[in-house]
Amino acid sequence: MSDLSTSNHPPRIALYSHDTMGFGHIRRNMLLAQSILEANPNADVLLLSGVRESGAFRLPKGADSITMPTYFKTKEGHYIPKFLGTDIKRLVKIRKEIIHA
């Protein structure tokens, strides 16, 4: 990993927490964001998740978050949209466009 404090351009970093993994993953990414911003206060850090409650956490100064449309994991282990219809390909497309924006 390169030294973030010596870059000519502020890094743009996205940290993703999967919808069905729980709050521990969100907390870990928030700690990573905090460490990144301590090393380089000019970094752009964006936290991405499909967990609605992730927006309730106190973000590190300099970080922002996006809550994406949510996946739901069925008993059979398949992922489906939680609220936006039943077309998983549509949900993947929406989330992809949000991430690439």
PDB file of N, CA and C in Angstrom:
ATOM      1  N   MET A   1       0.850  -1.176   0.000  1.00  0.00           N
ATOM      2  CA  MET A   1       0.000   0.000   0.000  1.00  0.00           C
ATOM      3  C   MET A   1       0.894   1.237   0.000  1.00  0.00           C
ATOM      4  N   SER A   2       0.563   2.199  -0.832  1.00  0.00           N
ATOM      5  CA  SER A   2       1.368   3.412  -0.894  1.00  0.00           C
ATOM      6  C   SER A   2       1.047   4.330   0.278  1.00  0.00           C
ATOM      7  N   ASP A   3       1.958   5.235   0.557  1.00  0.00           N
ATOM      8  CA  ASP A   3       1.785   6.207   1.638  1.00  0.00           C
ATOM      9  C   ASP A   3       0.775   7.254   1.189  1.00  0.00           C
ATOM     10  N   LEU A   4      -0.391   7.280   1.811  1.00  0.00           N
ATOM     11  CA  LEU A   4      -1.452   8.204   1.412  1.00  0.00           C
ATOM     12  C   LEU A   4      -1.071   9.659   1.615  1.00  0.00           C
ATOM     13  N   SER A   5      -0.164   9.938   2.525  1.00  0.00           N
ATOM     14  CA  SER A   5       0.165  11.327   2.843  1.00  0.00           C
ATOM     15  C   SER A   5       1.088  11.967   1.818  1.00  0.00           C
ATOM     16  N   THR A   6       1.647  11.209   0.860  1.00  0.00           N
ATOM     17  CA  THR A   6       2.581  11.780  -0.104  1.00  0.00           C
ATOM     18  C   THR A   6       2.014  11.856  -1.517  1.00  0.00           C
ATOM     19  N   SER A   7       0.773  11.532  -1.715  1.00  0.00           N
ATOM     20  CA  SER A   7       0.167  11.562  -3.042  1.00  0.00           C
ATOM     21  C   SER A   7       0.028  12.993  -3.550  1.00  0.00           C
ATOM     22  N   ASN A   8       0.196  13.181  -4.876  1.00  0.00           N
ATOM     23  CA  ASN A   8       0.019  14.500  -5.485  1.00  0.00           C
ATOM     24  C   ASN A   8      -1.449  14.894  -5.555  1.00  0.00           C
ATOM     25  N   HIS A   9      -2.330  13.920  -5.649  1.00  0.00           N
ATOM     26  CA  HIS A   9      -3.768  14.172  -5.717  1.00  0.00           C
ATOM     27  C   HIS A   9      -4.437  13.461  -4.546  1.00  0.00           C
ATOM     28  N   PRO A  10      -5.420  14.107  -3.944  1.00  0.00           N
ATOM     29  CA  PRO A  10      -6.113  13.427  -2.844  1.00  0.00           C
ATOM     30  C   PRO A  10      -6.744  12.123  -3.340  1.00  0.00           C
ATOM     31  N   PRO A  11      -6.580  11.045  -2.608  1.00  0.00           N
ATOM     32  CA  PRO A  11      -7.184   9.783  -3.033  1.00  0.00           C
ATOM     33  C   PRO A  11      -8.700   9.822  -2.889  1.00  0.00           C
ATOM     34  N   ARG A  12      -9.374   9.102  -3.779  1.00  0.00           N
ATOM     35  CA  ARG A  12     -10.823   8.908  -3.711  1.00  0.00           C
ATOM     36  C   ARG A  12     -11.041   7.443  -3.374  1.00  0.00           C
ATOM     37  N   ILE A  13     -11.617   7.201  -2.207  1.00  0.00           N
ATOM     38  CA  ILE A  13     -11.714   5.836  -1.702  1.00  0.00           C
ATOM     39  C   ILE A  13     -13.168   5.516  -1.369  1.00  0.00           C
ATOM     40  N   ALA A  14     -13.640   4.377  -1.883  1.00  0.00           N
ATOM     41  CA  ALA A  14     -14.969   3.880  -1.556  1.00  0.00           C
ATOM     42  C   ALA A  14     -14.805   2.600  -0.742  1.00  0.00           C
ATOM     43  N   LEU A  15     -15.509   2.529   0.370  1.00  0.00           N
ATOM     44  CA  LEU A  15     -15.500   1.348   1.233  1.00  0.00           C
ATOM     45  C   LEU A  15     -16.911   0.765   1.239  1.00  0.00           C
ATOM     46  N   TYR A  16     -17.029  -0.508   0.875  1.00  0.00           N
ATOM     47  CA  TYR A  16     -18.329  -1.151   0.709  1.00  0.00           C
ATOM     48  C   TYR A  16     -18.592  -2.151   1.827  1.00  0.00           C
ATOM     49  N   SER A  17     -19.783  -2.075   2.403  1.00  0.00           N
ATOM     50  CA  SER A  17     -20.241  -3.054   3.390  1.00  0.00           C
ATOM     51  C   SER A  17     -21.447  -3.775   2.797  1.00  0.00           C
ATOM     52  N   HIS A  18     -21.342  -5.094   2.620  1.00  0.00           N
ATOM     53  CA  HIS A  18     -22.431  -5.861   2.011  1.00  0.00           C
ATOM     54  C   HIS A  18     -23.663  -5.842   2.913  1.00  0.00           C
ATOM     55  N   ASP A  19     -24.810  -5.814   2.287  1.00  0.00           N
ATOM     56  CA  ASP A  19     -26.093  -5.675   2.977  1.00  0.00           C
ATOM     57  C   ASP A  19     -26.344  -6.737   4.039  1.00  0.00           C
ATOM     58  N   THR A  20     -25.957  -7.956   3.770  1.00  0.00           N
ATOM     59  CA  THR A  20     -26.360  -9.059   4.650  1.00  0.00           C
ATOM     60  C   THR A  20     -25.275  -9.476   5.639  1.00  0.00           C
ATOM     61  N   MET A  21     -24.259  -8.647   5.838  1.00  0.00           N
ATOM     62  CA  MET A  21     -23.141  -9.021   6.696  1.00  0.00           C
ATOM     63  C   MET A  21     -23.213  -8.455   8.109  1.00  0.00           C
ATOM     64  N   GLY A  22     -24.086  -7.541   8.391  1.00  0.00           N
ATOM     65  CA  GLY A  22     -24.222  -7.029   9.749  1.00  0.00           C
ATOM     66  C   GLY A  22     -23.453  -5.751  10.004  1.00  0.00           C
ATOM     67  N   PHE A  23     -23.661  -5.231  11.207  1.00  0.00           N
ATOM     68  CA  PHE A  23     -23.095  -3.936  11.572  1.00  0.00           C
ATOM     69  C   PHE A  23     -21.588  -3.976  11.811  1.00  0.00           C
ATOM     70  N   GLY A  24     -21.039  -5.141  12.095  1.00  0.00           N
ATOM     71  CA  GLY A  24     -19.599  -5.242  12.315  1.00  0.00           C
ATOM     72  C   GLY A  24     -18.797  -4.806  11.100  1.00  0.00           C
ATOM     73  N   HIS A  25     -19.282  -5.142   9.921  1.00  0.00           N
ATOM     74  CA  HIS A  25     -18.595  -4.750   8.688  1.00  0.00           C
ATOM     75  C   HIS A  25     -18.684  -3.241   8.473  1.00  0.00           C
ATOM     76  N   ILE A  26     -19.819  -2.672   8.805  1.00  0.00           N
ATOM     77  CA  ILE A  26     -19.974  -1.216   8.686  1.00  0.00           C
ATOM     78  C   ILE A  26     -19.027  -0.525   9.661  1.00  0.00           C
ATOM     79  N   ARG A  27     -18.991  -1.007  10.885  1.00  0.00           N
ATOM     80  CA  ARG A  27     -18.102  -0.421  11.900  1.00  0.00           C
ATOM     81  C   ARG A  27     -16.635  -0.526  11.473  1.00  0.00           C
ATOM     82  N   ARG A  28     -16.245  -1.680  10.942  1.00  0.00           N
ATOM     83  CA  ARG A  28     -14.866  -1.854  10.476  1.00  0.00           C
ATOM     84  C   ARG A  28     -14.534  -0.848   9.375  1.00  0.00           C
ATOM     85  N   ASN A  29     -15.441  -0.668   8.416  1.00  0.00           N
ATOM     86  CA  ASN A  29     -15.186   0.286   7.340  1.00  0.00           C
ATOM     87  C   ASN A  29     -15.140   1.717   7.855  1.00  0.00           C
ATOM     88  N   MET A  30     -15.908   2.017   8.885  1.00  0.00           N
ATOM     89  CA  MET A  30     -15.836   3.353   9.473  1.00  0.00           C
ATOM     90  C   MET A  30     -14.482   3.574  10.140  1.00  0.00           C
ATOM     91  N   LEU A  31     -13.952   2.545  10.794  1.00  0.00           N
ATOM     92  CA  LEU A  31     -12.621   2.648  11.396  1.00  0.00           C
ATOM     93  C   LEU A  31     -11.543   2.778  10.323  1.00  0.00           C
ATOM     94  N   LEU A  32     -11.705   2.059   9.210  1.00  0.00           N
ATOM     95  CA  LEU A  32     -10.770   2.210   8.093  1.00  0.00           C
ATOM     96  C   LEU A  32     -10.830   3.628   7.536  1.00  0.00           C
ATOM     97  N   ALA A  33     -12.040   4.157   7.373  1.00  0.00           N
ATOM     98  CA  ALA A  33     -12.194   5.531   6.879  1.00  0.00           C
ATOM     99  C   ALA A  33     -11.511   6.514   7.814  1.00  0.00           C
ATOM    100  N   GLN A  34     -11.689   6.326   9.101  1.00  0.00           N
ATOM    101  CA  GLN A  34     -11.061   7.211  10.084  1.00  0.00           C
ATOM    102  C   GLN A  34      -9.541   7.156   9.963  1.00  0.00           C
ATOM    103  N   SER A  35      -8.985   5.961   9.828  1.00  0.00           N
ATOM    104  CA  SER A  35      -7.530   5.817   9.688  1.00  0.00           C
ATOM    105  C   SER A  35      -7.024   6.471   8.410  1.00  0.00           C
ATOM    106  N   ILE A  36      -7.752   6.290   7.322  1.00  0.00           N
ATOM    107  CA  ILE A  36      -7.371   6.910   6.046  1.00  0.00           C
ATOM    108  C   ILE A  36      -7.365   8.418   6.179  1.00  0.00           C
ATOM    109  N   LEU A  37      -8.401   8.966   6.800  1.00  0.00           N
ATOM    110  CA  LEU A  37      -8.515  10.421   6.931  1.00  0.00           C
ATOM    111  C   LEU A  37      -7.504  10.994   7.917  1.00  0.00           C
ATOM    112  N   GLU A  38      -7.104  10.210   8.895  1.00  0.00           N
ATOM    113  CA  GLU A  38      -6.035  10.661   9.794  1.00  0.00           C
ATOM    114  C   GLU A  38      -4.710  10.734   9.040  1.00  0.00           C
ATOM    115  N   ALA A  39      -4.480   9.781   8.128  1.00  0.00           N
ATOM    116  CA  ALA A  39      -3.251   9.771   7.330  1.00  0.00           C
ATOM    117  C   ALA A  39      -3.270  10.848   6.251  1.00  0.00           C
ATOM    118  N   ASN A  40      -4.458  11.133   5.705  1.00  0.00           N
ATOM    119  CA  ASN A  40      -4.594  12.138   4.653  1.00  0.00           C
ATOM    120  C   ASN A  40      -5.949  12.835   4.803  1.00  0.00           C
ATOM    121  N   PRO A  41      -5.997  13.948   5.525  1.00  0.00           N
ATOM    122  CA  PRO A  41      -7.262  14.651   5.761  1.00  0.00           C
ATOM    123  C   PRO A  41      -7.939  15.153   4.485  1.00  0.00           C
ATOM    124  N   ASN A  42      -7.210  15.222   3.367  1.00  0.00           N
ATOM    125  CA  ASN A  42      -7.797  15.682   2.106  1.00  0.00           C
ATOM    126  C   ASN A  42      -8.421  14.558   1.297  1.00  0.00           C
ATOM    127  N   ALA A  43      -8.324  13.330   1.762  1.00  0.00           N
ATOM    128  CA  ALA A  43      -8.889  12.195   1.030  1.00  0.00           C
ATOM    129  C   ALA A  43     -10.408  12.327   0.942  1.00  0.00           C
ATOM    130  N   ASP A  44     -10.956  11.838  -0.164  1.00  0.00           N
ATOM    131  CA  ASP A  44     -12.405  11.717  -0.319  1.00  0.00           C
ATOM    132  C   ASP A  44     -12.766  10.273   0.009  1.00  0.00           C
ATOM    133  N   VAL A  45     -13.493  10.074   1.105  1.00  0.00           N
ATOM    134  CA  VAL A  45     -13.851   8.724   1.539  1.00  0.00           C
ATOM    135  C   VAL A  45     -15.370   8.600   1.530  1.00  0.00           C
ATOM    136  N   LEU A  46     -15.852   7.584   0.813  1.00  0.00           N
ATOM    137  CA  LEU A  46     -17.280   7.338   0.697  1.00  0.00           C
ATOM    138  C   LEU A  46     -17.577   5.927   1.180  1.00  0.00           C
ATOM    139  N   LEU A  47     -18.502   5.818   2.122  1.00  0.00           N
ATOM    140  CA  LEU A  47     -18.937   4.525   2.647  1.00  0.00           C
ATOM    141  C   LEU A  47     -20.226   4.133   1.937  1.00  0.00           C
ATOM    142  N   LEU A  48     -20.249   2.928   1.371  1.00  0.00           N
ATOM    143  CA  LEU A  48     -21.402   2.424   0.626  1.00  0.00           C
ATOM    144  C   LEU A  48     -21.976   1.203   1.328  1.00  0.00           C
ATOM    145  N   SER A  49     -23.307   1.154   1.430  1.00  0.00           N
ATOM    146  CA  SER A  49     -23.955   0.000   2.038  1.00  0.00           C
ATOM    147  C   SER A  49     -25.417  -0.031   1.623  1.00  0.00           C
ATOM    148  N   GLY A  50     -26.008  -1.207   1.718  1.00  0.00           N
ATOM    149  CA  GLY A  50     -27.437  -1.340   1.504  1.00  0.00           C
ATOM    150  C   GLY A  50     -28.193  -1.411   2.819  1.00  0.00           C
ATOM    151  N   VAL A  51     -27.497  -1.257   3.915  1.00  0.00           N
ATOM    152  CA  VAL A  51     -28.115  -1.303   5.243  1.00  0.00           C
ATOM    153  C   VAL A  51     -28.601   0.097   5.598  1.00  0.00           C
ATOM    154  N   ARG A  52     -29.901   0.263   5.694  1.00  0.00           N
ATOM    155  CA  ARG A  52     -30.469   1.595   5.965  1.00  0.00           C
ATOM    156  C   ARG A  52     -29.918   2.216   7.244  1.00  0.00           C
ATOM    157  N   GLU A  53     -29.730   1.410   8.253  1.00  0.00           N
ATOM    158  CA  GLU A  53     -29.271   1.916   9.546  1.00  0.00           C
ATOM    159  C   GLU A  53     -27.833   2.426   9.507  1.00  0.00           C
ATOM    160  N   SER A  54     -27.100   2.121   8.450  1.00  0.00           N
ATOM    161  CA  SER A  54     -25.710   2.583   8.379  1.00  0.00           C
ATOM    162  C   SER A  54     -25.631   4.106   8.387  1.00  0.00           C
ATOM    163  N   GLY A  55     -26.667   4.772   7.915  1.00  0.00           N
ATOM    164  CA  GLY A  55     -26.699   6.231   7.934  1.00  0.00           C
ATOM    165  C   GLY A  55     -26.871   6.818   9.325  1.00  0.00           C
ATOM    166  N   ALA A  56     -27.206   5.979  10.299  1.00  0.00           N
ATOM    167  CA  ALA A  56     -27.403   6.460  11.670  1.00  0.00           C
ATOM    168  C   ALA A  56     -26.096   6.528  12.455  1.00  0.00           C
ATOM    169  N   PHE A  57     -25.050   5.881  11.940  1.00  0.00           N
ATOM    170  CA  PHE A  57     -23.759   5.913  12.623  1.00  0.00           C
ATOM    171  C   PHE A  57     -23.100   7.279  12.448  1.00  0.00           C
ATOM    172  N   ARG A  58     -22.333   7.665  13.445  1.00  0.00           N
ATOM    173  CA  ARG A  58     -21.564   8.913  13.366  1.00  0.00           C
ATOM    174  C   ARG A  58     -20.366   8.673  12.456  1.00  0.00           C
ATOM    175  N   LEU A  59     -20.306   9.421  11.365  1.00  0.00           N
ATOM    176  CA  LEU A  59     -19.234   9.255  10.389  1.00  0.00           C
ATOM    177  C   LEU A  59     -17.973   9.985  10.824  1.00  0.00           C
ATOM    178  N   PRO A  60     -16.818   9.459  10.430  1.00  0.00           N
ATOM    179  CA  PRO A  60     -15.588  10.205  10.682  1.00  0.00           C
ATOM    180  C   PRO A  60     -15.625  11.529   9.923  1.00  0.00           C
ATOM    181  N   LYS A  61     -15.029  12.568  10.501  1.00  0.00           N
ATOM    182  CA  LYS A  61     -14.981  13.865   9.836  1.00  0.00           C
ATOM    183  C   LYS A  61     -14.281  13.708   8.487  1.00  0.00           C
ATOM    184  N   GLY A  62     -14.940  14.166   7.426  1.00  0.00           N
ATOM    185  CA  GLY A  62     -14.383  14.077   6.083  1.00  0.00           C
ATOM    186  C   GLY A  62     -14.922  12.915   5.274  1.00  0.00           C
ATOM    187  N   ALA A  63     -15.718  12.047   5.891  1.00  0.00           N
ATOM    188  CA  ALA A  63     -16.313  10.908   5.183  1.00  0.00           C
ATOM    189  C   ALA A  63     -17.793  11.172   4.949  1.00  0.00           C
ATOM    190  N   ASP A  64     -18.334  10.515   3.938  1.00  0.00           N
ATOM    191  CA  ASP A  64     -19.767  10.593   3.675  1.00  0.00           C
ATOM    192  C   ASP A  64     -20.260   9.185   3.371  1.00  0.00           C
ATOM    193  N   SER A  65     -21.584   9.025   3.302  1.00  0.00           N
ATOM    194  CA  SER A  65     -22.126   7.685   3.070  1.00  0.00           C
ATOM    195  C   SER A  65     -23.298   7.719   2.106  1.00  0.00           C
ATOM    196  N   ILE A  66     -23.503   6.576   1.466  1.00  0.00           N
ATOM    197  CA  ILE A  66     -24.641   6.360   0.574  1.00  0.00           C
ATOM    198  C   ILE A  66     -25.283   5.040   0.978  1.00  0.00           C
ATOM    199  N   THR A  67     -26.597   5.049   1.122  1.00  0.00           N
ATOM    200  CA  THR A  67     -27.335   3.813   1.327  1.00  0.00           C
ATOM    201  C   THR A  67     -27.967   3.434  -0.002  1.00  0.00           C
ATOM    202  N   MET A  68     -27.582   2.283  -0.514  1.00  0.00           N
ATOM    203  CA  MET A  68     -28.059   1.820  -1.814  1.00  0.00           C
ATOM    204  C   MET A  68     -29.315   0.966  -1.644  1.00  0.00           C
ATOM    205  N   PRO A  69     -30.068   0.756  -2.741  1.00  0.00           N
ATOM    206  CA  PRO A  69     -31.198  -0.167  -2.677  1.00  0.00           C
ATOM    207  C   PRO A  69     -30.731  -1.531  -2.166  1.00  0.00           C
ATOM    208  N   THR A  70     -31.568  -2.174  -1.382  1.00  0.00           N
ATOM    209  CA  THR A  70     -31.168  -3.303  -0.552  1.00  0.00           C
ATOM    210  C   THR A  70     -31.406  -4.676  -1.176  1.00  0.00           C
ATOM    211  N   TYR A  71     -30.433  -5.572  -0.899  1.00  0.00           N
ATOM    212  CA  TYR A  71     -30.581  -7.001  -1.189  1.00  0.00           C
ATOM    213  C   TYR A  71     -31.217  -7.683   0.012  1.00  0.00           C
ATOM    214  N   PHE A  72     -31.846  -8.823  -0.244  1.00  0.00           N
ATOM    215  CA  PHE A  72     -32.350  -9.695   0.814  1.00  0.00           C
ATOM    216  C   PHE A  72     -31.860 -11.104   0.495  1.00  0.00           C
ATOM    217  N   LYS A  73     -31.362 -11.810   1.506  1.00  0.00           N
ATOM    218  CA  LYS A  73     -30.891 -13.183   1.312  1.00  0.00           C
ATOM    219  C   LYS A  73     -31.994 -14.146   1.735  1.00  0.00           C
ATOM    220  N   THR A  74     -32.440 -14.983   0.796  1.00  0.00           N
ATOM    221  CA  THR A  74     -33.505 -15.945   1.076  1.00  0.00           C
ATOM    222  C   THR A  74     -32.975 -17.112   1.910  1.00  0.00           C
ATOM    223  N   LYS A  75     -33.893 -17.937   2.411  1.00  0.00           N
ATOM    224  CA  LYS A  75     -33.509 -19.130   3.176  1.00  0.00           C
ATOM    225  C   LYS A  75     -32.636 -20.066   2.342  1.00  0.00           C
ATOM    226  N   GLU A  76     -32.844 -20.031   1.029  1.00  0.00           N
ATOM    227  CA  GLU A  76     -32.075 -20.885   0.120  1.00  0.00           C
ATOM    228  C   GLU A  76     -30.703 -20.304  -0.198  1.00  0.00           C
ATOM    229  N   GLY A  77     -30.423 -19.095   0.285  1.00  0.00           N
ATOM    230  CA  GLY A  77     -29.127 -18.476   0.052  1.00  0.00           C
ATOM    231  C   GLY A  77     -29.046 -17.621  -1.199  1.00  0.00           C
ATOM    232  N   HIS A  78     -30.185 -17.332  -1.813  1.00  0.00           N
ATOM    233  CA  HIS A  78     -30.219 -16.497  -3.015  1.00  0.00           C
ATOM    234  C   HIS A  78     -30.472 -15.045  -2.626  1.00  0.00           C
ATOM    235  N   TYR A  79     -29.938 -14.141  -3.420  1.00  0.00           N
ATOM    236  CA  TYR A  79     -30.164 -12.721  -3.188  1.00  0.00           C
ATOM    237  C   TYR A  79     -31.259 -12.219  -4.113  1.00  0.00           C
ATOM    238  N   ILE A  80     -32.175 -11.445  -3.536  1.00  0.00           N
ATOM    239  CA  ILE A  80     -33.259 -10.829  -4.297  1.00  0.00           C
ATOM    240  C   ILE A  80     -33.385  -9.379  -3.825  1.00  0.00           C
ATOM    241  N   PRO A  81     -34.034  -8.527  -4.630  1.00  0.00           N
ATOM    242  CA  PRO A  81     -34.278  -7.164  -4.154  1.00  0.00           C
ATOM    243  C   PRO A  81     -35.193  -7.209  -2.930  1.00  0.00           C
ATOM    244  N   LYS A  82     -34.882  -6.405  -1.934  1.00  0.00           N
ATOM    245  CA  LYS A  82     -35.709  -6.382  -0.726  1.00  0.00           C
ATOM    246  C   LYS A  82     -36.991  -5.590  -0.949  1.00  0.00           C
ATOM    247  N   PHE A  83     -36.898  -4.479  -1.697  1.00  0.00           N
ATOM    248  CA  PHE A  83     -38.059  -3.618  -1.876  1.00  0.00           C
ATOM    249  C   PHE A  83     -38.381  -3.302  -3.334  1.00  0.00           C
ATOM    250  N   LEU A  84     -37.396  -3.286  -4.216  1.00  0.00           N
ATOM    251  CA  LEU A  84     -37.599  -2.831  -5.592  1.00  0.00           C
ATOM    252  C   LEU A  84     -37.940  -3.977  -6.531  1.00  0.00           C
ATOM    253  N   GLY A  85     -39.138  -4.526  -6.410  1.00  0.00           N
ATOM    254  CA  GLY A  85     -39.579  -5.573  -7.315  1.00  0.00           C
ATOM    255  C   GLY A  85     -38.869  -6.890  -7.078  1.00  0.00           C
ATOM    256  N   THR A  86     -38.756  -7.689  -8.159  1.00  0.00           N
ATOM    257  CA  THR A  86     -38.166  -9.021  -8.048  1.00  0.00           C
ATOM    258  C   THR A  86     -37.004  -9.242  -9.010  1.00  0.00           C
ATOM    259  N   ASP A  87     -36.692  -8.269  -9.842  1.00  0.00           N
ATOM    260  CA  ASP A  87     -35.655  -8.414 -10.866  1.00  0.00           C
ATOM    261  C   ASP A  87     -34.273  -8.095 -10.294  1.00  0.00           C
ATOM    262  N   ILE A  88     -33.495  -9.148 -10.005  1.00  0.00           N
ATOM    263  CA  ILE A  88     -32.170  -8.961  -9.415  1.00  0.00           C
ATOM    264  C   ILE A  88     -31.237  -8.227 -10.375  1.00  0.00           C
ATOM    265  N   LYS A  89     -31.379  -8.467 -11.683  1.00  0.00           N
ATOM    266  CA  LYS A  89     -30.512  -7.787 -12.657  1.00  0.00           C
ATOM    267  C   LYS A  89     -30.745  -6.281 -12.629  1.00  0.00           C
ATOM    268  N   ARG A  90     -31.985  -5.878 -12.444  1.00  0.00           N
ATOM    269  CA  ARG A  90     -32.299  -4.447 -12.351  1.00  0.00           C
ATOM    270  C   ARG A  90     -31.646  -3.843 -11.104  1.00  0.00           C
ATOM    271  N   LEU A  91     -31.730  -4.558  -9.982  1.00  0.00           N
ATOM    272  CA  LEU A  91     -31.121  -4.064  -8.746  1.00  0.00           C
ATOM    273  C   LEU A  91     -29.603  -3.948  -8.897  1.00  0.00           C
ATOM    274  N   VAL A  92     -28.989  -4.944  -9.507  1.00  0.00           N
ATOM    275  CA  VAL A  92     -27.540  -4.901  -9.737  1.00  0.00           C
ATOM    276  C   VAL A  92     -27.188  -3.691 -10.593  1.00  0.00           C
ATOM    277  N   LYS A  93     -27.970  -3.430 -11.632  1.00  0.00           N
ATOM    278  CA  LYS A  93     -27.713  -2.288 -12.522  1.00  0.00           C
ATOM    279  C   LYS A  93     -27.828  -0.965 -11.763  1.00  0.00           C
ATOM    280  N   ILE A  94     -28.854  -0.820 -10.962  1.00  0.00           N
ATOM    281  CA  ILE A  94     -29.044   0.411 -10.184  1.00  0.00           C
ATOM    282  C   ILE A  94     -27.861   0.624  -9.242  1.00  0.00           C
ATOM    283  N   ARG A  95     -27.485  -0.416  -8.519  1.00  0.00           N
ATOM    284  CA  ARG A  95     -26.371  -0.299  -7.575  1.00  0.00           C
ATOM    285  C   ARG A  95     -25.060  -0.002  -8.294  1.00  0.00           C
ATOM    286  N   LYS A  96     -24.843  -0.645  -9.428  1.00  0.00           N
ATOM    287  CA  LYS A  96     -23.632  -0.405 -10.217  1.00  0.00           C
ATOM    288  C   LYS A  96     -23.551   1.056 -10.652  1.00  0.00           C
ATOM    289  N   GLU A  97     -24.669   1.607 -11.104  1.00  0.00           N
ATOM    290  CA  GLU A  97     -24.684   3.007 -11.543  1.00  0.00           C
ATOM    291  C   GLU A  97     -24.420   3.958 -10.380  1.00  0.00           C
ATOM    292  N   ILE A  98     -24.925   3.638  -9.208  1.00  0.00           N
ATOM    293  CA  ILE A  98     -24.655   4.467  -8.024  1.00  0.00           C
ATOM    294  C   ILE A  98     -23.168   4.428  -7.692  1.00  0.00           C
ATOM    295  N   ILE A  99     -22.587   3.243  -7.689  1.00  0.00           N
ATOM    296  CA  ILE A  99     -21.170   3.096  -7.342  1.00  0.00           C
ATOM    297  C   ILE A  99     -20.277   3.806  -8.352  1.00  0.00           C
ATOM    298  N   HIS A 100     -20.610   3.746  -9.617  1.00  0.00           N
ATOM    299  CA  HIS A 100     -19.770   4.335 -10.666  1.00  0.00           C
ATOM    300  C   HIS A 100     -20.002   5.826 -10.858  1.00  0.00           C
ATOM    301  N   ALA A 101     -20.970   6.397 -10.176  1.00  0.00           N
ATOM    302  CA  ALA A 101     -21.277   7.834 -10.347  1.00  0.00           C
ATOM    303  C   ALA A 101     -20.144   8.706  -9.836  1.00  0.00           C
TER     304      ALA A 101
END
